[in-house]
Amino acid sequence: MEKPTIAGKAPIYVDLKAGETYYWCACGRSGNQPFCDGSHEGTSFLPLAFTAEKDEKAALCTCKHTKNPPYCDGSHLSLE
């Protein structure tokens, strides 16, 4: 099974708007982290579509190992 590229070892804080749909990069290859730019083409990865439930500043995962995608859960702290 393919493993994602670790794009970063800290979350990126973004302003989400209620009702808007976002596409979180799951492969780690996007140059537009934490969002998808299509760089997953040719891999087994697909972006994760999610709709913000409220206006908020959210910590989105860049290590791609979170157990709560697209949100950071601190998994980057245990990566080498």
C-alpha atoms as a PDB file:
ATOM      1  CA  MET A   1       0.000   0.000   0.000  1.00  0.00           C
ATOM      2  CA  GLU A   2       1.255   3.461  -0.923  1.00  0.00           C
ATOM      3  CA  LYS A   3       2.220   5.790   1.913  1.00  0.00           C
ATOM      4  CA  PRO A   4       1.573   9.523   1.787  1.00  0.00           C
ATOM      5  CA  THR A   5       4.415  12.012   1.504  1.00  0.00           C
ATOM      6  CA  ILE A   6       4.930  13.922   4.733  1.00  0.00           C
ATOM      7  CA  ALA A   7       4.333  17.499   3.589  1.00  0.00           C
ATOM      8  CA  GLY A   8       5.042  18.990   7.008  1.00  0.00           C
ATOM      9  CA  LYS A   9       5.408  18.208  10.682  1.00  0.00           C
ATOM     10  CA  ALA A  10       3.050  20.875  11.975  1.00  0.00           C
ATOM     11  CA  PRO A  11      -0.553  21.719  11.134  1.00  0.00           C
ATOM     12  CA  ILE A  12      -1.521  24.602   8.892  1.00  0.00           C
ATOM     13  CA  TYR A  13      -4.137  26.903  10.376  1.00  0.00           C
ATOM     14  CA  VAL A  14      -6.813  27.951   7.900  1.00  0.00           C
ATOM     15  CA  ASP A  15      -9.990  29.999   8.085  1.00  0.00           C
ATOM     16  CA  LEU A  16     -12.941  27.810   7.095  1.00  0.00           C
ATOM     17  CA  LYS A  17     -16.302  29.251   6.064  1.00  0.00           C
ATOM     18  CA  ALA A  18     -19.546  27.524   7.033  1.00  0.00           C
ATOM     19  CA  GLY A  19     -21.123  25.623   4.142  1.00  0.00           C
ATOM     20  CA  GLU A  20     -18.041  25.745   1.892  1.00  0.00           C
ATOM     21  CA  THR A  21     -16.572  22.509   0.566  1.00  0.00           C
ATOM     22  CA  TYR A  22     -12.809  22.021   0.714  1.00  0.00           C
ATOM     23  CA  TYR A  23     -10.554  19.317  -0.724  1.00  0.00           C
ATOM     24  CA  TRP A  24      -7.812  18.276   1.706  1.00  0.00           C
ATOM     25  CA  CYS A  25      -4.648  16.802   0.181  1.00  0.00           C
ATOM     26  CA  ALA A  26      -4.295  13.187   1.365  1.00  0.00           C
ATOM     27  CA  CYS A  27      -1.190  12.303  -0.674  1.00  0.00           C
ATOM     28  CA  GLY A  28       1.133  15.027   0.635  1.00  0.00           C
ATOM     29  CA  ARG A  29       2.307  16.015  -2.864  1.00  0.00           C
ATOM     30  CA  SER A  30       0.247  19.182  -3.309  1.00  0.00           C
ATOM     31  CA  GLY A  31       2.101  22.464  -3.622  1.00  0.00           C
ATOM     32  CA  ASN A  32      -0.993  24.131  -2.142  1.00  0.00           C
ATOM     33  CA  GLN A  33      -0.927  22.482   1.310  1.00  0.00           C
ATOM     34  CA  PRO A  34      -3.118  21.567   3.028  1.00  0.00           C
ATOM     35  CA  PHE A  35      -5.420  21.587   0.010  1.00  0.00           C
ATOM     36  CA  CYS A  36      -5.368  19.448  -3.137  1.00  0.00           C
ATOM     37  CA  ASP A  37      -3.874  20.762  -6.375  1.00  0.00           C
ATOM     38  CA  GLY A  38      -4.239  17.537  -8.389  1.00  0.00           C
ATOM     39  CA  SER A  39      -0.728  16.250  -7.667  1.00  0.00           C
ATOM     40  CA  HIS A  40      -2.185  12.887  -6.615  1.00  0.00           C
ATOM     41  CA  GLU A  41      -2.765  11.978 -10.282  1.00  0.00           C
ATOM     42  CA  GLY A  42      -1.140   8.622 -10.989  1.00  0.00           C
ATOM     43  CA  THR A  43      -1.260   7.534  -7.328  1.00  0.00           C
ATOM     44  CA  SER A  44      -3.840   5.590  -5.348  1.00  0.00           C
ATOM     45  CA  PHE A  45      -4.724   8.711  -3.330  1.00  0.00           C
ATOM     46  CA  LEU A  46      -7.784  10.923  -3.642  1.00  0.00           C
ATOM     47  CA  PRO A  47      -8.408  14.218  -1.879  1.00  0.00           C
ATOM     48  CA  LEU A  48     -10.795  14.264   1.054  1.00  0.00           C
ATOM     49  CA  ALA A  49     -13.799  16.494   0.414  1.00  0.00           C
ATOM     50  CA  PHE A  50     -15.294  18.074   3.521  1.00  0.00           C
ATOM     51  CA  THR A  51     -17.778  20.847   4.198  1.00  0.00           C
ATOM     52  CA  ALA A  52     -17.147  23.275   7.041  1.00  0.00           C
ATOM     53  CA  GLU A  53     -19.936  23.165   9.602  1.00  0.00           C
ATOM     54  CA  LYS A  54     -19.146  26.637  10.955  1.00  0.00           C
ATOM     55  CA  ASP A  55     -16.872  29.610  10.421  1.00  0.00           C
ATOM     56  CA  GLU A  56     -13.697  28.721  12.291  1.00  0.00           C
ATOM     57  CA  LYS A  57      -9.920  28.670  12.284  1.00  0.00           C
ATOM     58  CA  ALA A  58      -8.936  24.985  11.975  1.00  0.00           C
ATOM     59  CA  ALA A  59      -5.627  23.139  12.286  1.00  0.00           C
ATOM     60  CA  LEU A  60      -5.392  20.936   9.188  1.00  0.00           C
ATOM     61  CA  CYS A  61      -2.925  18.057   9.033  1.00  0.00           C
ATOM     62  CA  THR A  62       0.149  18.260   6.803  1.00  0.00           C
ATOM     63  CA  CYS A  63       1.901  15.043   7.905  1.00  0.00           C
ATOM     64  CA  LYS A  64      -0.970  13.008   6.379  1.00  0.00           C
ATOM     65  CA  HIS A  65      -0.905  10.486   9.246  1.00  0.00           C
ATOM     66  CA  THR A  66      -3.753  11.942  11.325  1.00  0.00           C
ATOM     67  CA  LYS A  67      -6.436   9.545  12.548  1.00  0.00           C
ATOM     68  CA  ASN A  68      -8.974  12.385  12.229  1.00  0.00           C
ATOM     69  CA  PRO A  69      -8.544  13.723   8.670  1.00  0.00           C
ATOM     70  CA  PRO A  70      -8.421  16.498   7.652  1.00  0.00           C
ATOM     71  CA  TYR A  71      -7.758  17.786  11.169  1.00  0.00           C
ATOM     72  CA  CYS A  72      -4.425  17.557  12.984  1.00  0.00           C
ATOM     73  CA  ASP A  73      -4.451  15.106  15.901  1.00  0.00           C
ATOM     74  CA  GLY A  74      -0.775  15.445  16.836  1.00  0.00           C
ATOM     75  CA  SER A  75       0.363  12.364  14.863  1.00  0.00           C
ATOM     76  CA  HIS A  76       3.282  14.416  13.495  1.00  0.00           C
ATOM     77  CA  LEU A  77       4.826  14.362  16.970  1.00  0.00           C
ATOM     78  CA  SER A  78       5.565  10.630  16.662  1.00  0.00           C
ATOM     79  CA  LEU A  79       7.018  10.693  13.124  1.00  0.00           C
ATOM     80  CA  GLU A  80      10.740  10.367  12.508  1.00  0.00           C
END
